[in-house]
Protein backbone atom coordinates (compact mmCIF):
# COMPACT_ATOMS: atom_id res chain seq x y z
CA MET A 1 92.30 54.55 130.02
CA LEU A 2 96.12 55.43 130.78
CA TRP A 3 95.85 52.50 133.16
CA VAL A 4 95.70 49.97 130.69
CA VAL A 5 98.21 51.49 128.34
CA ALA A 6 100.97 52.02 130.73
CA LEU A 7 100.41 48.22 131.96
CA THR A 8 100.51 47.32 128.36
CA ALA A 9 103.74 49.35 127.35
CA TRP A 10 105.38 47.57 130.55
CA HIS A 11 104.31 44.30 129.71
CA PHE A 12 106.20 44.63 126.34
CA ALA A 13 108.97 46.97 127.22
CA SER A 14 110.55 45.15 130.83
CA ILE A 15 113.15 42.08 130.99
CA LYS A 16 111.68 39.16 131.59
CA SER A 17 113.82 36.85 133.55
CA THR A 18 113.89 33.05 133.82
CA GLY A 19 114.04 30.93 136.70
CA ILE A 20 117.35 28.58 137.79
CA PRO A 21 117.40 25.82 140.41
CA LEU A 22 119.23 27.18 143.11
CA GLY A 23 120.87 23.99 144.80
CA PRO A 24 120.07 20.50 144.01
CA ALA A 25 116.55 19.25 144.24
CA VAL A 26 115.31 17.21 147.29
CA ARG A 27 113.42 13.97 147.23
CA LEU A 28 110.20 14.06 150.01
CA PRO A 29 108.11 11.37 150.76
CA GLY A 30 105.97 11.23 147.36
CA HIS A 31 107.54 14.67 146.01
CA ILE A 32 110.47 16.12 144.68
CA GLY A 33 111.27 19.75 146.21
CA GLN A 34 113.61 22.43 144.10
CA ILE A 35 114.14 25.86 145.39
CA ILE A 36 113.93 28.23 141.72
CA HIS A 37 115.78 31.54 141.42
CA THR A 38 114.31 34.51 139.41
CA THR A 39 114.97 38.23 138.77
CA GLU A 40 112.14 40.74 138.99
CA ARG A 41 111.07 42.31 135.51
CA TYR A 42 113.12 45.65 134.85
CA LEU A 43 112.79 48.24 132.71
CA PRO A 44 116.32 48.55 130.59
CA THR A 45 117.76 52.13 130.63
CA LEU A 46 121.50 53.17 129.97
CA HIS A 47 122.42 53.91 133.21
CA ARG A 48 120.66 50.52 134.94
CA ASN A 49 122.24 49.91 138.48
CA PRO A 50 122.20 46.21 138.98
CA ASP A 51 122.54 46.71 142.42
CA LYS A 52 119.02 47.62 143.03
CA ASP A 53 117.85 44.30 141.42
CA ARG A 54 115.15 42.50 143.50
CA TYR A 55 115.14 38.83 143.05
CA ARG A 56 112.22 35.81 144.65
CA LEU A 57 113.20 32.59 145.33
CA HIS A 58 109.83 30.15 144.72
CA LEU A 59 109.60 26.75 146.04
CA LEU A 60 108.52 24.11 143.00
CA VAL A 61 106.77 20.69 144.33
CA MET A 62 105.97 18.03 141.69
CA ARG A 63 104.19 15.06 143.11
CA LEU A 64 105.37 11.53 142.25
CA ILE A 65 102.75 9.37 140.41
CA ALA A 66 103.31 5.41 141.59
CA GLU A 67 103.12 3.49 139.19
CA ARG A 68 100.00 1.30 139.58
CA GLN A 69 98.09 5.15 139.05
CA LYS A 70 99.46 5.22 135.97
CA ARG A 71 98.42 2.56 134.14
CA CYS A 72 94.66 2.47 132.82
CA PRO A 73 92.24 -0.38 134.25
CA ALA A 74 91.74 -3.25 131.40
CA MET A 75 88.48 -2.98 129.84
């Protein structure tokens, strides 16, 4: 039970981060690729050291849909 309380407190007290693009997007055959840079969640403190922040890189790949696939067949 204590574990659930700790996880709930971490979820509401920690600082959430949003991702930002790291460089331009790359067009691949049939896809678009983008690298996203995010900071991991952290708890706010008075003596926070930004040198200890941890970062993540995510690869976002979106499939391109051909024009003929988007249209509905005629009924």
